[in-house]
Amino acid sequence: MDEHEVATPRLVLRRWRRDDLDPLVAVFARPEVWWYPLQRGRTFEETRLFLERQLAERDERGWSLWAAVHRGDDRLIGFVGLARPTFLPEIMLAVEVGWRLDPAYWGRGLATEGGQAALDFGFEVLGLERIVSICEPENVASLRVMERLGMTLDRRATHPTHGVPLLVHELTRDRWRARGTSRVGRDAGSTGG
């Protein structure tokens, strides 16, 4: 693993590879994965473009969302990591922590575990002052992950394309430090969730 890849107790969060396309298509095709905001799965072409964007972002700025691989079975189960939420103009310069995982792996605390690693990476390695996370109010599971990560409501917004309400949560570097939860470079225990 390189310096921009992280191992948690149950995940390897690594850079994307072109051969990730087929397993990613299988995950993204499931409607539950993209229910918020699409209410359907992603097509092969949409997933291919997602992967191409991740590869390009990694080349351009040195980081992108990570491919999330479950350590127990070495299976690509989705993504966790940091991205720029360019779809939402009022916070376009922010960095967002996010996750989308195969529903077969839901309810195990993996989004929280991976989200914590992404926050640690953002604050420790990238030196960010603030990280946000965005979801629809009905996405209760993601709201719970945000709460477990120590994020609090920053603002309400509306998705400019889909017209649905959004909640923007945030965590500042100072609040992250006060929590004392950094795990970058350590194989720490589960962060719960």
C-alpha atoms as a PDB file:
ATOM      1  CA  MET A   1       0.000   0.000   0.000  1.00  0.00           C
ATOM      2  CA  ASP A   2       1.176   3.551  -0.657  1.00  0.00           C
ATOM      3  CA  GLU A   3       0.870   6.486   1.729  1.00  0.00           C
ATOM      4  CA  HIS A   4      -2.577   7.376   0.391  1.00  0.00           C
ATOM      5  CA  GLU A   5      -4.031   3.960   1.100  1.00  0.00           C
ATOM      6  CA  VAL A   6      -5.262   2.837   4.473  1.00  0.00           C
ATOM      7  CA  ALA A   7      -5.945  -0.458   6.212  1.00  0.00           C
ATOM      8  CA  THR A   8      -8.599  -0.535   8.922  1.00  0.00           C
ATOM      9  CA  PRO A   9      -9.430  -3.631  10.960  1.00  0.00           C
ATOM     10  CA  ARG A  10     -11.868  -4.869   8.310  1.00  0.00           C
ATOM     11  CA  LEU A  11     -11.199  -2.811   5.179  1.00  0.00           C
ATOM     12  CA  VAL A  12      -8.423  -2.032   2.763  1.00  0.00           C
ATOM     13  CA  LEU A  13      -9.062   1.426   1.324  1.00  0.00           C
ATOM     14  CA  ARG A  14      -6.962   1.641  -1.810  1.00  0.00           C
ATOM     15  CA  ARG A  15      -6.565   3.463  -5.089  1.00  0.00           C
ATOM     16  CA  TRP A  16      -8.803   2.421  -7.968  1.00  0.00           C
ATOM     17  CA  ARG A  17      -7.680   0.085 -10.752  1.00  0.00           C
ATOM     18  CA  ARG A  18      -9.232  -0.425 -14.160  1.00  0.00           C
ATOM     19  CA  ASP A  19      -9.992  -4.063 -13.313  1.00  0.00           C
ATOM     20  CA  ASP A  20     -12.313  -2.826 -10.544  1.00  0.00           C
ATOM     21  CA  LEU A  21     -14.965  -2.053 -13.157  1.00  0.00           C
ATOM     22  CA  ASP A  22     -16.784  -5.406 -13.231  1.00  0.00           C
ATOM     23  CA  PRO A  23     -17.113  -5.843  -9.451  1.00  0.00           C
ATOM     24  CA  LEU A  24     -18.068  -2.173  -9.103  1.00  0.00           C
ATOM     25  CA  VAL A  25     -20.781  -2.548 -11.771  1.00  0.00           C
ATOM     26  CA  ALA A  26     -22.271  -5.407  -9.734  1.00  0.00           C
ATOM     27  CA  VAL A  27     -22.382  -3.260  -6.566  1.00  0.00           C
ATOM     28  CA  PHE A  28     -23.617  -0.059  -8.241  1.00  0.00           C
ATOM     29  CA  ALA A  29     -26.376  -1.897 -10.168  1.00  0.00           C
ATOM     30  CA  ARG A  30     -28.195  -2.587  -6.892  1.00  0.00           C
ATOM     31  CA  PRO A  31     -30.963   0.013  -6.427  1.00  0.00           C
ATOM     32  CA  GLU A  32     -30.363   0.243  -2.664  1.00  0.00           C
ATOM     33  CA  VAL A  33     -26.823   1.530  -3.207  1.00  0.00           C
ATOM     34  CA  TRP A  34     -27.965   4.598  -5.149  1.00  0.00           C
ATOM     35  CA  TRP A  35     -31.515   4.907  -3.792  1.00  0.00           C
ATOM     36  CA  TYR A  36     -30.539   8.321  -2.487  1.00  0.00           C
ATOM     37  CA  PRO A  37     -30.760  10.315  -4.782  1.00  0.00           C
ATOM     38  CA  LEU A  38     -31.363   8.186  -7.921  1.00  0.00           C
ATOM     39  CA  GLN A  39     -33.920   5.666  -6.620  1.00  0.00           C
ATOM     40  CA  ARG A  40     -32.357   3.124  -8.981  1.00  0.00           C
ATOM     41  CA  GLY A  41     -29.066   1.396  -9.611  1.00  0.00           C
ATOM     42  CA  ARG A  42     -26.401   2.853 -11.859  1.00  0.00           C
ATOM     43  CA  THR A  43     -25.942   1.606 -15.404  1.00  0.00           C
ATOM     44  CA  PHE A  44     -22.732   0.070 -16.720  1.00  0.00           C
ATOM     45  CA  GLU A  45     -21.891   3.323 -18.502  1.00  0.00           C
ATOM     46  CA  GLU A  46     -22.567   5.459 -15.407  1.00  0.00           C
ATOM     47  CA  THR A  47     -20.315   3.194 -13.363  1.00  0.00           C
ATOM     48  CA  ARG A  48     -17.595   3.257 -16.015  1.00  0.00           C
ATOM     49  CA  LEU A  49     -17.667   7.070 -15.984  1.00  0.00           C
ATOM     50  CA  PHE A  50     -17.530   7.081 -12.163  1.00  0.00           C
ATOM     51  CA  LEU A  51     -14.415   4.896 -12.251  1.00  0.00           C
ATOM     52  CA  GLU A  52     -12.791   7.068 -14.946  1.00  0.00           C
ATOM     53  CA  ARG A  53     -13.450  10.175 -12.797  1.00  0.00           C
ATOM     54  CA  GLN A  54     -11.828   8.549  -9.786  1.00  0.00           C
ATOM     55  CA  LEU A  55      -8.743   7.599 -11.802  1.00  0.00           C
ATOM     56  CA  ALA A  56      -8.503  11.115 -13.243  1.00  0.00           C
ATOM     57  CA  GLU A  57      -8.957  12.802  -9.852  1.00  0.00           C
ATOM     58  CA  ARG A  58      -6.248  10.619  -8.355  1.00  0.00           C
ATOM     59  CA  ASP A  59      -3.865  11.630 -11.163  1.00  0.00           C
ATOM     60  CA  GLU A  60      -4.792  15.334 -10.973  1.00  0.00           C
ATOM     61  CA  ARG A  61      -4.759  16.011  -7.230  1.00  0.00           C
ATOM     62  CA  GLY A  62      -3.174  12.921  -5.699  1.00  0.00           C
ATOM     63  CA  TRP A  63      -6.294  11.588  -3.951  1.00  0.00           C
ATOM     64  CA  SER A  64      -9.849  10.487  -4.695  1.00  0.00           C
ATOM     65  CA  LEU A  65     -12.464   8.239  -3.155  1.00  0.00           C
ATOM     66  CA  TRP A  66     -10.966   4.880  -2.208  1.00  0.00           C
ATOM     67  CA  ALA A  67     -12.031   1.488  -3.477  1.00  0.00           C
ATOM     68  CA  ALA A  68     -13.255  -0.340  -0.361  1.00  0.00           C
ATOM     69  CA  VAL A  69     -12.118  -3.952  -0.173  1.00  0.00           C
ATOM     70  CA  HIS A  70     -13.408  -6.187   2.618  1.00  0.00           C
ATOM     71  CA  ARG A  71     -10.411  -7.829   4.284  1.00  0.00           C
ATOM     72  CA  GLY A  72     -12.347 -10.951   5.291  1.00  0.00           C
ATOM     73  CA  ASP A  73     -13.037 -12.065   1.730  1.00  0.00           C
ATOM     74  CA  ASP A  74     -10.854  -9.699  -0.357  1.00  0.00           C
ATOM     75  CA  ARG A  75     -13.951  -8.458  -2.172  1.00  0.00           C
ATOM     76  CA  LEU A  76     -14.507  -4.962  -3.597  1.00  0.00           C
ATOM     77  CA  ILE A  77     -17.649  -3.795  -1.788  1.00  0.00           C
ATOM     78  CA  GLY A  78     -17.955  -0.161  -2.930  1.00  0.00           C
ATOM     79  CA  PHE A  79     -16.226   3.045  -1.942  1.00  0.00           C
ATOM     80  CA  VAL A  80     -15.328   5.154   1.059  1.00  0.00           C
ATOM     81  CA  GLY A  81     -13.349   8.350   1.143  1.00  0.00           C
ATOM     82  CA  LEU A  82     -13.096  11.997   0.254  1.00  0.00           C
ATOM     83  CA  ALA A  83     -14.422  13.893  -2.754  1.00  0.00           C
ATOM     84  CA  ARG A  84     -15.295  17.411  -3.848  1.00  0.00           C
ATOM     85  CA  PRO A  85     -19.119  17.837  -3.883  1.00  0.00           C
ATOM     86  CA  THR A  86     -19.190  19.930  -7.056  1.00  0.00           C
ATOM     87  CA  PHE A  87     -22.915  19.252  -7.532  1.00  0.00           C
ATOM     88  CA  LEU A  88     -23.817  21.557  -4.609  1.00  0.00           C
ATOM     89  CA  PRO A  89     -22.771  25.156  -5.413  1.00  0.00           C
ATOM     90  CA  GLU A  90     -23.047  26.544  -1.882  1.00  0.00           C
ATOM     91  CA  ILE A  91     -20.269  24.229  -0.636  1.00  0.00           C
ATOM     92  CA  MET A  92     -18.408  23.521  -3.870  1.00  0.00           C
ATOM     93  CA  LEU A  93     -14.950  24.199  -2.397  1.00  0.00           C
ATOM     94  CA  ALA A  94     -15.549  21.836   0.536  1.00  0.00           C
ATOM     95  CA  VAL A  95     -14.307  18.271   0.815  1.00  0.00           C
ATOM     96  CA  GLU A  96     -16.916  15.617   1.555  1.00  0.00           C
ATOM     97  CA  VAL A  97     -16.545  12.275   3.283  1.00  0.00           C
ATOM     98  CA  GLY A  98     -18.822   9.641   1.774  1.00  0.00           C
ATOM     99  CA  TRP A  99     -19.479   5.943   1.364  1.00  0.00           C
ATOM    100  CA  ARG A 100     -21.508   3.569  -0.780  1.00  0.00           C
ATOM    101  CA  LEU A 101     -21.256  -0.092   0.112  1.00  0.00           C
ATOM    102  CA  ASP A 102     -22.784  -3.335  -1.083  1.00  0.00           C
ATOM    103  CA  PRO A 103     -25.965  -3.905   0.990  1.00  0.00           C
ATOM    104  CA  ALA A 104     -24.698  -7.390   1.900  1.00  0.00           C
ATOM    105  CA  TYR A 105     -22.165  -5.559   4.119  1.00  0.00           C
ATOM    106  CA  TRP A 106     -24.546  -3.040   5.708  1.00  0.00           C
ATOM    107  CA  GLY A 107     -25.170  -3.004   9.444  1.00  0.00           C
ATOM    108  CA  ARG A 108     -21.615  -3.998  10.388  1.00  0.00           C
ATOM    109  CA  GLY A 109     -20.129  -0.568  11.101  1.00  0.00           C
ATOM    110  CA  LEU A 110     -17.993  -0.598   7.952  1.00  0.00           C
ATOM    111  CA  ALA A 111     -19.136   2.847   6.771  1.00  0.00           C
ATOM    112  CA  THR A 112     -18.222   4.277  10.174  1.00  0.00           C
ATOM    113  CA  GLU A 113     -14.880   2.475  10.202  1.00  0.00           C
ATOM    114  CA  GLY A 114     -14.008   3.627   6.692  1.00  0.00           C
ATOM    115  CA  GLY A 115     -15.432   7.107   7.265  1.00  0.00           C
ATOM    116  CA  GLN A 116     -13.227   7.541  10.337  1.00  0.00           C
ATOM    117  CA  ALA A 117     -10.163   6.553   8.299  1.00  0.00           C
ATOM    118  CA  ALA A 118     -11.134   9.081   5.617  1.00  0.00           C
ATOM    119  CA  LEU A 119     -11.553  11.848   8.204  1.00  0.00           C
ATOM    120  CA  ASP A 120      -8.181  11.009   9.720  1.00  0.00           C
ATOM    121  CA  PHE A 121      -6.592  11.095   6.266  1.00  0.00           C
ATOM    122  CA  GLY A 122      -8.243  14.413   5.433  1.00  0.00           C
ATOM    123  CA  PHE A 123      -7.211  16.147   8.637  1.00  0.00           C
ATOM    124  CA  GLU A 124      -3.781  14.550   9.194  1.00  0.00           C
ATOM    125  CA  VAL A 125      -2.439  13.983   5.695  1.00  0.00           C
ATOM    126  CA  LEU A 126      -4.250  16.585   3.585  1.00  0.00           C
ATOM    127  CA  GLY A 127      -4.334  19.198   6.358  1.00  0.00           C
ATOM    128  CA  LEU A 128      -7.999  20.093   5.854  1.00  0.00           C
ATOM    129  CA  GLU A 129      -9.712  22.430   8.316  1.00  0.00           C
ATOM    130  CA  ARG A 130     -13.257  21.154   7.697  1.00  0.00           C
ATOM    131  CA  ILE A 131     -14.910  18.100   6.141  1.00  0.00           C
ATOM    132  CA  VAL A 132     -18.605  17.827   5.272  1.00  0.00           C
ATOM    133  CA  SER A 133     -20.986  14.965   4.572  1.00  0.00           C
ATOM    134  CA  ILE A 134     -24.250  15.271   2.641  1.00  0.00           C
ATOM    135  CA  CYS A 135     -27.400  13.155   2.650  1.00  0.00           C
ATOM    136  CA  GLU A 136     -31.144  13.286   2.220  1.00  0.00           C
ATOM    137  CA  PRO A 137     -33.110  13.516   5.499  1.00  0.00           C
ATOM    138  CA  GLU A 138     -34.738  10.117   4.810  1.00  0.00           C
ATOM    139  CA  ASN A 139     -31.332   8.415   4.632  1.00  0.00           C
ATOM    140  CA  VAL A 140     -31.349   7.551   8.326  1.00  0.00           C
ATOM    141  CA  ALA A 141     -28.464   5.064   8.079  1.00  0.00           C
ATOM    142  CA  SER A 142     -26.098   7.699   6.674  1.00  0.00           C
ATOM    143  CA  LEU A 143     -27.251  10.222   9.269  1.00  0.00           C
ATOM    144  CA  ARG A 144     -26.348   7.735  12.003  1.00  0.00           C
ATOM    145  CA  VAL A 145     -22.888   7.222  10.515  1.00  0.00           C
ATOM    146  CA  MET A 146     -22.357  10.996  10.420  1.00  0.00           C
ATOM    147  CA  GLU A 147     -23.368  11.250  14.071  1.00  0.00           C
ATOM    148  CA  ARG A 148     -21.014   8.413  15.065  1.00  0.00           C
ATOM    149  CA  LEU A 149     -18.238  10.243  13.249  1.00  0.00           C
ATOM    150  CA  GLY A 150     -18.900  13.338  15.369  1.00  0.00           C
ATOM    151  CA  MET A 151     -20.393  15.409  12.570  1.00  0.00           C
ATOM    152  CA  THR A 152     -23.092  17.989  13.276  1.00  0.00           C
ATOM    153  CA  LEU A 153     -25.656  19.739  11.099  1.00  0.00           C
ATOM    154  CA  ASP A 154     -24.178  22.727   9.256  1.00  0.00           C
ATOM    155  CA  ARG A 155     -26.997  23.633   6.851  1.00  0.00           C
ATOM    156  CA  ARG A 156     -29.997  22.505   4.852  1.00  0.00           C
ATOM    157  CA  ALA A 157     -29.891  22.637   1.069  1.00  0.00           C
ATOM    158  CA  THR A 158     -31.722  21.398  -2.013  1.00  0.00           C
ATOM    159  CA  HIS A 159     -30.169  19.105  -4.609  1.00  0.00           C
ATOM    160  CA  PRO A 160     -29.925  21.308  -7.726  1.00  0.00           C
ATOM    161  CA  THR A 161     -30.628  18.443 -10.154  1.00  0.00           C
ATOM    162  CA  HIS A 162     -33.011  16.172  -8.249  1.00  0.00           C
ATOM    163  CA  GLY A 163     -34.814  18.888  -6.255  1.00  0.00           C
ATOM    164  CA  VAL A 164     -34.739  16.861  -3.028  1.00  0.00           C
ATOM    165  CA  PRO A 165     -33.869  18.310   0.387  1.00  0.00           C
ATOM    166  CA  LEU A 166     -30.334  17.711   1.661  1.00  0.00           C
ATOM    167  CA  LEU A 167     -28.654  17.916   5.036  1.00  0.00           C
ATOM    168  CA  VAL A 168     -25.016  19.041   5.153  1.00  0.00           C
ATOM    169  CA  HIS A 169     -23.126  17.902   8.244  1.00  0.00           C
ATOM    170  CA  GLU A 170     -19.604  18.988   9.124  1.00  0.00           C
ATOM    171  CA  LEU A 171     -16.651  18.232  11.333  1.00  0.00           C
ATOM    172  CA  THR A 172     -13.873  20.728  11.933  1.00  0.00           C
ATOM    173  CA  ARG A 173     -10.254  19.827  12.555  1.00  0.00           C
ATOM    174  CA  ASP A 174     -10.510  21.228  16.113  1.00  0.00           C
ATOM    175  CA  ARG A 175     -13.541  19.055  16.974  1.00  0.00           C
ATOM    176  CA  TRP A 176     -11.859  16.042  15.362  1.00  0.00           C
ATOM    177  CA  ARG A 177      -8.726  16.623  17.468  1.00  0.00           C
ATOM    178  CA  ALA A 178     -10.824  16.991  20.619  1.00  0.00           C
ATOM    179  CA  ARG A 179     -12.338  13.559  19.954  1.00  0.00           C
ATOM    180  CA  GLY A 180      -8.852  12.012  19.828  1.00  0.00           C
ATOM    181  CA  THR A 181      -9.889   9.362  17.308  1.00  0.00           C
ATOM    182  CA  SER A 182      -7.034   9.477  14.782  1.00  0.00           C
ATOM    183  CA  ARG A 183      -6.145   6.105  13.311  1.00  0.00           C
ATOM    184  CA  VAL A 184      -4.086   6.943  10.212  1.00  0.00           C
ATOM    185  CA  GLY A 185      -1.172   4.561   9.948  1.00  0.00           C
ATOM    186  CA  ARG A 186      -2.461   2.339  12.771  1.00  0.00           C
ATOM    187  CA  ASP A 187      -4.423  -0.861  12.639  1.00  0.00           C
ATOM    188  CA  ALA A 188      -6.898   0.266  15.297  1.00  0.00           C
ATOM    189  CA  GLY A 189     -10.016  -1.436  16.540  1.00  0.00           C
ATOM    190  CA  SER A 190     -13.445  -0.831  15.070  1.00  0.00           C
ATOM    191  CA  THR A 191     -14.910   2.617  15.561  1.00  0.00           C
ATOM    192  CA  GLY A 192     -18.390   1.141  15.962  1.00  0.00           C
ATOM    193  CA  GLY A 193     -21.490   1.685  13.913  1.00  0.00           C
END
